[in-house]
């Protein structure tokens, strides 16, 4: 899956609430665990994060998602569950933060060119 296809699917998902927090691996993992039933019920779903920007390093443009986010946010990430079979986002949220992200978040997204798939 490429970031552009995922970005288009996210846009089709509709409004995503923006949460202003320090983004860490624990916060990302906690959100996925709370939605474990989605993954259990849909074997075609994948958990992902797609970084628009991390520590002001631009990865991709996620059109329409961060229009209402603070312009000072140095980190912007969309987190969600995506059905590979249908091409639809099942659940998602946007995270925007002016705070320093966790080192794991920076490392994982740099390694994946902005996209991280969680097993």
Protein backbone atom coordinates (compact mmCIF):
# COMPACT_ATOMS: atom_id res chain seq x y z
CA UNK A 1 0.00 0.00 0.00
CA UNK A 2 1.35 3.40 -0.89
CA UNK A 3 0.74 6.61 1.08
CA UNK A 4 -1.18 8.25 -1.78
CA UNK A 5 -3.78 5.47 -2.00
CA UNK A 6 -4.16 5.53 1.76
CA UNK A 7 -4.41 9.32 1.74
CA UNK A 8 -7.25 9.17 -0.78
CA UNK A 9 -9.07 6.60 1.36
CA UNK A 10 -8.67 8.79 4.43
CA UNK A 11 -10.14 11.77 2.62
CA UNK A 12 -13.16 9.68 1.65
CA UNK A 13 -13.61 8.72 5.31
CA UNK A 14 -14.79 12.22 6.16
CA UNK A 15 -14.16 14.40 9.18
CA UNK A 16 -11.48 13.21 11.58
CA UNK A 17 -11.12 14.83 14.98
CA UNK A 18 -7.75 16.38 15.72
CA UNK A 19 -6.25 15.61 19.10
CA UNK A 20 -3.43 17.81 20.36
CA UNK A 21 -1.12 15.64 22.50
CA UNK A 22 2.47 14.44 22.69
CA UNK A 23 2.49 11.54 20.24
CA UNK A 24 4.15 8.38 21.56
CA UNK A 25 4.14 4.71 20.63
CA UNK A 26 2.11 4.01 23.79
CA UNK A 27 -0.66 6.43 22.73
CA UNK A 28 -0.76 4.89 19.25
CA UNK A 29 -0.80 1.32 20.61
CA UNK A 30 -3.49 2.10 23.18
CA UNK A 31 -5.86 3.40 20.48
CA UNK A 32 -5.36 0.24 18.39
CA UNK A 33 -5.96 -2.03 21.40
CA UNK A 34 -9.22 -0.22 22.15
CA UNK A 35 -10.35 -1.14 18.61
CA UNK A 36 -9.17 -4.74 18.68
CA UNK A 37 -12.63 -6.01 17.78
CA UNK A 38 -12.37 -4.34 14.34
CA UNK A 39 -9.22 -6.28 13.58
CA UNK A 40 -10.71 -9.48 15.02
CA UNK A 41 -13.88 -9.16 12.91
CA UNK A 42 -12.15 -8.15 9.68
CA UNK A 43 -9.19 -10.28 8.62
CA UNK A 44 -8.49 -7.90 5.72
CA UNK A 45 -7.94 -4.91 7.98
CA UNK A 46 -4.54 -3.43 8.69
CA UNK A 47 -3.54 -0.99 11.39
CA UNK A 48 -1.51 1.97 10.13
CA UNK A 49 -0.16 5.39 10.87
CA UNK A 50 0.58 7.82 8.06
CA UNK A 51 2.72 10.82 8.87
CA UNK A 52 2.09 14.04 7.06
CA UNK A 53 4.85 15.64 9.08
CA UNK A 54 7.07 14.61 12.00
CA UNK A 55 9.28 17.15 13.75
CA UNK A 56 8.68 19.44 10.75
CA UNK A 57 9.96 16.82 8.27
CA UNK A 58 7.32 16.58 5.53
CA UNK A 59 6.40 13.07 4.35
CA UNK A 60 3.15 13.42 2.41
CA UNK A 61 0.08 15.63 2.13
CA UNK A 62 -3.12 14.29 3.66
CA UNK A 63 -5.67 16.52 1.96
CA UNK A 64 -8.50 17.90 4.06
CA UNK A 65 -7.58 16.21 7.32
CA UNK A 66 -5.46 18.86 8.99
CA UNK A 67 -7.28 21.96 7.73
CA UNK A 68 -8.42 22.81 11.27
CA UNK A 69 -5.25 21.66 13.06
CA UNK A 70 -2.95 24.15 14.71
CA UNK A 71 -0.61 25.51 12.05
CA UNK A 72 2.21 25.37 14.59
CA UNK A 73 1.92 21.58 14.95
CA UNK A 74 5.32 20.16 14.06
CA UNK A 75 3.95 16.61 14.00
CA UNK A 76 0.81 15.47 12.15
CA UNK A 77 -0.13 11.81 11.91
CA UNK A 78 -3.27 9.96 10.81
CA UNK A 79 -3.87 6.69 12.62
CA UNK A 80 -6.41 4.16 11.48
CA UNK A 81 -7.66 0.78 10.41
CA UNK A 82 -7.90 0.14 6.67
CA UNK A 83 -9.72 -2.68 4.87
CA UNK A 84 -7.39 -3.81 2.08
CA UNK A 85 -10.17 -5.70 0.29
CA UNK A 86 -12.61 -2.80 0.01
CA UNK A 87 -10.13 0.09 0.10
CA UNK A 88 -12.07 1.78 2.90
CA UNK A 89 -10.90 3.28 6.16
CA UNK A 90 -12.83 1.56 8.96
CA UNK A 91 -11.85 3.94 11.78
CA UNK A 92 -9.32 6.74 12.02
CA UNK A 93 -8.17 9.75 13.96
CA UNK A 94 -5.78 12.58 13.32
CA UNK A 95 -3.06 13.48 15.78
CA UNK A 96 -1.41 16.90 15.72
CA UNK A 97 1.12 18.06 18.25
CA UNK A 98 3.55 20.88 18.93
CA UNK A 99 5.30 18.64 21.45
CA UNK A 100 8.32 16.46 20.72
CA UNK A 101 7.09 13.03 19.50
CA UNK A 102 8.44 9.84 21.05
CA UNK A 103 11.72 8.53 19.64
CA UNK A 104 10.00 5.32 18.46
CA UNK A 105 7.46 7.32 16.48
CA UNK A 106 10.21 9.29 14.76
CA UNK A 107 12.30 6.18 14.03
CA UNK A 108 9.44 4.00 12.73
CA UNK A 109 8.04 6.66 10.42
CA UNK A 110 11.47 7.61 9.07
CA UNK A 111 12.13 3.94 8.27
CA UNK A 112 8.78 3.61 6.47
CA UNK A 113 8.95 6.92 4.58
CA UNK A 114 6.05 8.16 6.70
CA UNK A 115 3.91 5.00 6.63
CA UNK A 116 3.93 2.36 9.37
CA UNK A 117 1.89 -0.84 9.23
CA UNK A 118 1.30 -2.50 12.62
CA UNK A 119 0.98 -6.27 13.00
